[in-house]
Amino acid sequence: MFKRMIESIRLFLAEVRAELKKVSFPTRAETIGSTTVVIVFCILMSLYLSVIDSFLVWLVSKII
């Protein structure tokens, strides 16, 4: 029983190793570029939502 379990673990680890060889990791430049895009997008969205929120607060205060 343990022999079969150990063999299945070895097979699993061999398959994991084979799949990891197929993975293409991004280069440093691609990682920096993607991170920059995400940070800029987050800043723009936070500014946009801040403006919309301020407008809605102003609008509700005028109505009430």
PDB file of N, CA and C in Angstrom:
ATOM      1  N   MET A   1       0.817  -1.193   0.000  1.00  0.00           N
ATOM      2  CA  MET A   1       0.000   0.000   0.000  1.00  0.00           C
ATOM      3  C   MET A   1       0.862   1.258   0.000  1.00  0.00           C
ATOM      4  N   PHE A   2       1.866   1.313   0.896  1.00  0.00           N
ATOM      5  CA  PHE A   2       2.732   2.492   0.942  1.00  0.00           C
ATOM      6  C   PHE A   2       3.584   2.603  -0.307  1.00  0.00           C
ATOM      7  N   LYS A   3       3.947   1.446  -0.868  1.00  0.00           N
ATOM      8  CA  LYS A   3       4.772   1.452  -2.071  1.00  0.00           C
ATOM      9  C   LYS A   3       4.007   2.095  -3.234  1.00  0.00           C
ATOM     10  N   ARG A   4       2.726   1.753  -3.329  1.00  0.00           N
ATOM     11  CA  ARG A   4       1.903   2.313  -4.401  1.00  0.00           C
ATOM     12  C   ARG A   4       1.691   3.821  -4.184  1.00  0.00           C
ATOM     13  N   MET A   5       1.514   4.231  -2.931  1.00  0.00           N
ATOM     14  CA  MET A   5       1.325   5.645  -2.625  1.00  0.00           C
ATOM     15  C   MET A   5       2.597   6.432  -2.933  1.00  0.00           C
ATOM     16  N   ILE A   6       3.749   5.905  -2.556  1.00  0.00           N
ATOM     17  CA  ILE A   6       5.020   6.574  -2.846  1.00  0.00           C
ATOM     18  C   ILE A   6       5.243   6.667  -4.350  1.00  0.00           C
ATOM     19  N   GLU A   7       4.893   5.624  -5.078  1.00  0.00           N
ATOM     20  CA  GLU A   7       5.051   5.645  -6.544  1.00  0.00           C
ATOM     21  C   GLU A   7       4.126   6.691  -7.172  1.00  0.00           C
ATOM     22  N   SER A   8       2.906   6.820  -6.653  1.00  0.00           N
ATOM     23  CA  SER A   8       1.991   7.816  -7.212  1.00  0.00           C
ATOM     24  C   SER A   8       2.477   9.235  -6.894  1.00  0.00           C
ATOM     25  N   ILE A   9       3.081   9.430  -5.728  1.00  0.00           N
ATOM     26  CA  ILE A   9       3.650  10.736  -5.397  1.00  0.00           C
ATOM     27  C   ILE A   9       4.813  11.058  -6.323  1.00  0.00           C
ATOM     28  N   ARG A  10       5.666  10.095  -6.581  1.00  0.00           N
ATOM     29  CA  ARG A  10       6.784  10.303  -7.518  1.00  0.00           C
ATOM     30  C   ARG A  10       6.277  10.638  -8.913  1.00  0.00           C
ATOM     31  N   LEU A  11       5.252   9.927  -9.358  1.00  0.00           N
ATOM     32  CA  LEU A  11       4.678  10.201 -10.676  1.00  0.00           C
ATOM     33  C   LEU A  11       4.104  11.616 -10.726  1.00  0.00           C
ATOM     34  N   PHE A  12       3.403  11.985  -9.670  1.00  0.00           N
ATOM     35  CA  PHE A  12       2.836  13.335  -9.596  1.00  0.00           C
ATOM     36  C   PHE A  12       3.923  14.397  -9.673  1.00  0.00           C
ATOM     37  N   LEU A  13       4.992  14.228  -8.897  1.00  0.00           N
ATOM     38  CA  LEU A  13       6.079  15.212  -8.901  1.00  0.00           C
ATOM     39  C   LEU A  13       6.785  15.266 -10.251  1.00  0.00           C
ATOM     40  N   ALA A  14       6.917  14.131 -10.910  1.00  0.00           N
ATOM     41  CA  ALA A  14       7.524  14.114 -12.250  1.00  0.00           C
ATOM     42  C   ALA A  14       6.647  14.880 -13.241  1.00  0.00           C
ATOM     43  N   GLU A  15       5.335  14.693 -13.131  1.00  0.00           N
ATOM     44  CA  GLU A  15       4.427  15.414 -14.029  1.00  0.00           C
ATOM     45  C   GLU A  15       4.425  16.914 -13.733  1.00  0.00           C
ATOM     46  N   VAL A  16       4.513  17.275 -12.468  1.00  0.00           N
ATOM     47  CA  VAL A  16       4.593  18.696 -12.104  1.00  0.00           C
ATOM     48  C   VAL A  16       5.852  19.307 -12.684  1.00  0.00           C
ATOM     49  N   ARG A  17       6.967  18.622 -12.554  1.00  0.00           N
ATOM     50  CA  ARG A  17       8.230  19.111 -13.099  1.00  0.00           C
ATOM     51  C   ARG A  17       8.128  19.284 -14.616  1.00  0.00           C
ATOM     52  N   ALA A  18       7.495  18.324 -15.296  1.00  0.00           N
ATOM     53  CA  ALA A  18       7.344  18.412 -16.757  1.00  0.00           C
ATOM     54  C   ALA A  18       6.473  19.600 -17.142  1.00  0.00           C
ATOM     55  N   GLU A  19       5.397  19.850 -16.378  1.00  0.00           N
ATOM     56  CA  GLU A  19       4.531  20.986 -16.684  1.00  0.00           C
ATOM     57  C   GLU A  19       5.225  22.312 -16.414  1.00  0.00           C
ATOM     58  N   LEU A  20       6.041  22.375 -15.368  1.00  0.00           N
ATOM     59  CA  LEU A  20       6.757  23.614 -15.074  1.00  0.00           C
ATOM     60  C   LEU A  20       7.774  23.959 -16.162  1.00  0.00           C
ATOM     61  N   LYS A  21       8.278  22.961 -16.857  1.00  0.00           N
ATOM     62  CA  LYS A  21       9.201  23.235 -17.965  1.00  0.00           C
ATOM     63  C   LYS A  21       8.480  23.893 -19.137  1.00  0.00           C
ATOM     64  N   LYS A  22       7.166  23.705 -19.221  1.00  0.00           N
ATOM     65  CA  LYS A  22       6.386  24.289 -20.315  1.00  0.00           C
ATOM     66  C   LYS A  22       5.988  25.741 -20.041  1.00  0.00           C
ATOM     67  N   VAL A  23       6.084  26.170 -18.801  1.00  0.00           N
ATOM     68  CA  VAL A  23       5.648  27.513 -18.419  1.00  0.00           C
ATOM     69  C   VAL A  23       6.631  28.549 -18.957  1.00  0.00           C
ATOM     70  N   SER A  24       6.075  29.609 -19.530  1.00  0.00           N
ATOM     71  CA  SER A  24       6.932  30.704 -19.981  1.00  0.00           C
ATOM     72  C   SER A  24       6.705  31.892 -19.048  1.00  0.00           C
ATOM     73  N   PHE A  25       7.702  32.196 -18.264  1.00  0.00           N
ATOM     74  CA  PHE A  25       7.610  33.283 -17.302  1.00  0.00           C
ATOM     75  C   PHE A  25       7.916  34.603 -18.010  1.00  0.00           C
ATOM     76  N   PRO A  26       7.260  35.689 -17.582  1.00  0.00           N
ATOM     77  CA  PRO A  26       7.498  36.985 -18.235  1.00  0.00           C
ATOM     78  C   PRO A  26       8.901  37.515 -17.925  1.00  0.00           C
ATOM     79  N   THR A  27       9.397  38.309 -18.856  1.00  0.00           N
ATOM     80  CA  THR A  27      10.701  38.929 -18.634  1.00  0.00           C
ATOM     81  C   THR A  27      10.549  40.064 -17.626  1.00  0.00           C
ATOM     82  N   ARG A  28      11.675  40.571 -17.181  1.00  0.00           N
ATOM     83  CA  ARG A  28      11.649  41.683 -16.215  1.00  0.00           C
ATOM     84  C   ARG A  28      10.956  42.899 -16.812  1.00  0.00           C
ATOM     85  N   ALA A  29      11.236  43.179 -18.091  1.00  0.00           N
ATOM     86  CA  ALA A  29      10.624  44.338 -18.748  1.00  0.00           C
ATOM     87  C   ALA A  29       9.108  44.172 -18.850  1.00  0.00           C
ATOM     88  N   GLU A  30       8.637  42.967 -19.183  1.00  0.00           N
ATOM     89  CA  GLU A  30       7.199  42.725 -19.268  1.00  0.00           C
ATOM     90  C   GLU A  30       6.530  42.877 -17.896  1.00  0.00           C
ATOM     91  N   THR A  31       7.188  42.397 -16.869  1.00  0.00           N
ATOM     92  CA  THR A  31       6.637  42.512 -15.519  1.00  0.00           C
ATOM     93  C   THR A  31       6.542  43.964 -15.090  1.00  0.00           C
ATOM     94  N   ILE A  32       7.588  44.737 -15.346  1.00  0.00           N
ATOM     95  CA  ILE A  32       7.580  46.159 -14.987  1.00  0.00           C
ATOM     96  C   ILE A  32       6.513  46.899 -15.789  1.00  0.00           C
ATOM     97  N   GLY A  33       6.404  46.595 -17.072  1.00  0.00           N
ATOM     98  CA  GLY A  33       5.389  47.240 -17.911  1.00  0.00           C
ATOM     99  C   GLY A  33       3.978  46.931 -17.451  1.00  0.00           C
ATOM    100  N   SER A  34       3.703  45.677 -17.149  1.00  0.00           N
ATOM    101  CA  SER A  34       2.366  45.287 -16.685  1.00  0.00           C
ATOM    102  C   SER A  34       2.046  45.925 -15.337  1.00  0.00           C
ATOM    103  N   THR A  35       3.022  45.957 -14.451  1.00  0.00           N
ATOM    104  CA  THR A  35       2.818  46.567 -13.138  1.00  0.00           C
ATOM    105  C   THR A  35       2.536  48.054 -13.280  1.00  0.00           C
ATOM    106  N   THR A  36       3.244  48.712 -14.168  1.00  0.00           N
ATOM    107  CA  THR A  36       3.027  50.145 -14.405  1.00  0.00           C
ATOM    108  C   THR A  36       1.613  50.397 -14.921  1.00  0.00           C
ATOM    109  N   VAL A  37       1.171  49.575 -15.846  1.00  0.00           N
ATOM    110  CA  VAL A  37      -0.177  49.734 -16.389  1.00  0.00           C
ATOM    111  C   VAL A  37      -1.220  49.568 -15.284  1.00  0.00           C
ATOM    112  N   VAL A  38      -1.043  48.581 -14.432  1.00  0.00           N
ATOM    113  CA  VAL A  38      -2.010  48.347 -13.349  1.00  0.00           C
ATOM    114  C   VAL A  38      -2.021  49.509 -12.365  1.00  0.00           C
ATOM    115  N   ILE A  39      -0.854  50.020 -12.001  1.00  0.00           N
ATOM    116  CA  ILE A  39      -0.786  51.132 -11.048  1.00  0.00           C
ATOM    117  C   ILE A  39      -1.423  52.386 -11.634  1.00  0.00           C
ATOM    118  N   VAL A  40      -1.113  52.695 -12.896  1.00  0.00           N
ATOM    119  CA  VAL A  40      -1.705  53.876 -13.544  1.00  0.00           C
ATOM    120  C   VAL A  40      -3.218  53.727 -13.639  1.00  0.00           C
ATOM    121  N   PHE A  41      -3.698  52.543 -13.994  1.00  0.00           N
ATOM    122  CA  PHE A  41      -5.134  52.307 -14.092  1.00  0.00           C
ATOM    123  C   PHE A  41      -5.802  52.492 -12.724  1.00  0.00           C
ATOM    124  N   CYS A  42      -5.189  51.990 -11.676  1.00  0.00           N
ATOM    125  CA  CYS A  42      -5.748  52.146 -10.327  1.00  0.00           C
ATOM    126  C   CYS A  42      -5.803  53.608  -9.918  1.00  0.00           C
ATOM    127  N   ILE A  43      -4.780  54.368 -10.236  1.00  0.00           N
ATOM    128  CA  ILE A  43      -4.775  55.798  -9.908  1.00  0.00           C
ATOM    129  C   ILE A  43      -5.874  56.527 -10.678  1.00  0.00           C
ATOM    130  N   LEU A  44      -5.993  56.237 -11.968  1.00  0.00           N
ATOM    131  CA  LEU A  44      -7.030  56.892 -12.774  1.00  0.00           C
ATOM    132  C   LEU A  44      -8.430  56.534 -12.286  1.00  0.00           C
ATOM    133  N   MET A  45      -8.656  55.278 -11.960  1.00  0.00           N
ATOM    134  CA  MET A  45      -9.969  54.861 -11.480  1.00  0.00           C
ATOM    135  C   MET A  45     -10.287  55.482 -10.129  1.00  0.00           C
ATOM    136  N   SER A  46      -9.285  55.600  -9.263  1.00  0.00           N
ATOM    137  CA  SER A  46      -9.539  56.224  -7.959  1.00  0.00           C
ATOM    138  C   SER A  46      -9.874  57.703  -8.128  1.00  0.00           C
ATOM    139  N   LEU A  47      -9.201  58.384  -9.047  1.00  0.00           N
ATOM    140  CA  LEU A  47      -9.531  59.785  -9.320  1.00  0.00           C
ATOM    141  C   LEU A  47     -10.940  59.922  -9.898  1.00  0.00           C
ATOM    142  N   TYR A  48     -11.264  59.066 -10.829  1.00  0.00           N
ATOM    143  CA  TYR A  48     -12.595  59.074 -11.456  1.00  0.00           C
ATOM    144  C   TYR A  48     -13.680  58.843 -10.407  1.00  0.00           C
ATOM    145  N   LEU A  49     -13.500  57.826  -9.571  1.00  0.00           N
ATOM    146  CA  LEU A  49     -14.499  57.524  -8.552  1.00  0.00           C
ATOM    147  C   LEU A  49     -14.593  58.636  -7.507  1.00  0.00           C
ATOM    148  N   SER A  50     -13.482  59.272  -7.221  1.00  0.00           N
ATOM    149  CA  SER A  50     -13.492  60.393  -6.284  1.00  0.00           C
ATOM    150  C   SER A  50     -14.306  61.553  -6.843  1.00  0.00           C
ATOM    151  N   VAL A  51     -14.115  61.859  -8.103  1.00  0.00           N
ATOM    152  CA  VAL A  51     -14.874  62.939  -8.742  1.00  0.00           C
ATOM    153  C   VAL A  51     -16.359  62.604  -8.765  1.00  0.00           C
ATOM    154  N   ILE A  52     -16.704  61.386  -9.148  1.00  0.00           N
ATOM    155  CA  ILE A  52     -18.109  60.974  -9.192  1.00  0.00           C
ATOM    156  C   ILE A  52     -18.723  61.042  -7.797  1.00  0.00           C
ATOM    157  N   ASP A  53     -17.990  60.564  -6.792  1.00  0.00           N
ATOM    158  CA  ASP A  53     -18.490  60.599  -5.420  1.00  0.00           C
ATOM    159  C   ASP A  53     -18.705  62.025  -4.944  1.00  0.00           C
ATOM    160  N   SER A  54     -17.758  62.894  -5.227  1.00  0.00           N
ATOM    161  CA  SER A  54     -17.902  64.303  -4.825  1.00  0.00           C
ATOM    162  C   SER A  54     -19.111  64.942  -5.502  1.00  0.00           C
ATOM    163  N   PHE A  55     -19.302  64.639  -6.775  1.00  0.00           N
ATOM    164  CA  PHE A  55     -20.453  65.167  -7.498  1.00  0.00           C
ATOM    165  C   PHE A  55     -21.757  64.662  -6.893  1.00  0.00           C
ATOM    166  N   LEU A  56     -21.824  63.391  -6.584  1.00  0.00           N
ATOM    167  CA  LEU A  56     -23.050  62.833  -6.023  1.00  0.00           C
ATOM    168  C   LEU A  56     -23.323  63.381  -4.618  1.00  0.00           C
ATOM    169  N   VAL A  57     -22.292  63.589  -3.833  1.00  0.00           N
ATOM    170  CA  VAL A  57     -22.456  64.207  -2.503  1.00  0.00           C
ATOM    171  C   VAL A  57     -22.996  65.619  -2.682  1.00  0.00           C
ATOM    172  N   TRP A  58     -22.446  66.377  -3.605  1.00  0.00           N
ATOM    173  CA  TRP A  58     -22.921  67.738  -3.872  1.00  0.00           C
ATOM    174  C   TRP A  58     -24.387  67.711  -4.331  1.00  0.00           C
ATOM    175  N   LEU A  59     -24.711  66.804  -5.241  1.00  0.00           N
ATOM    176  CA  LEU A  59     -26.051  66.700  -5.783  1.00  0.00           C
ATOM    177  C   LEU A  59     -27.058  66.339  -4.684  1.00  0.00           C
ATOM    178  N   VAL A  60     -26.736  65.398  -3.839  1.00  0.00           N
ATOM    179  CA  VAL A  60     -27.649  64.995  -2.766  1.00  0.00           C
ATOM    180  C   VAL A  60     -27.814  66.135  -1.758  1.00  0.00           C
ATOM    181  N   SER A  61     -26.725  66.858  -1.480  1.00  0.00           N
ATOM    182  CA  SER A  61     -26.842  67.972  -0.540  1.00  0.00           C
ATOM    183  C   SER A  61     -27.723  69.088  -1.110  1.00  0.00           C
ATOM    184  N   LYS A  62     -27.738  69.287  -2.394  1.00  0.00           N
ATOM    185  CA  LYS A  62     -28.602  70.302  -3.021  1.00  0.00           C
ATOM    186  C   LYS A  62     -30.055  69.860  -2.996  1.00  0.00           C
ATOM    187  N   ILE A  63     -30.282  68.570  -3.149  1.00  0.00           N
ATOM    188  CA  ILE A  63     -31.653  68.050  -3.166  1.00  0.00           C
ATOM    189  C   ILE A  63     -32.248  68.073  -1.773  1.00  0.00           C
ATOM    190  N   ILE A  64     -31.458  67.713  -0.790  1.00  0.00           N
ATOM    191  CA  ILE A  64     -31.952  67.656   0.594  1.00  0.00           C
ATOM    192  C   ILE A  64     -31.836  68.988   1.208  1.00  0.00           C
TER     193      ILE A  64
END
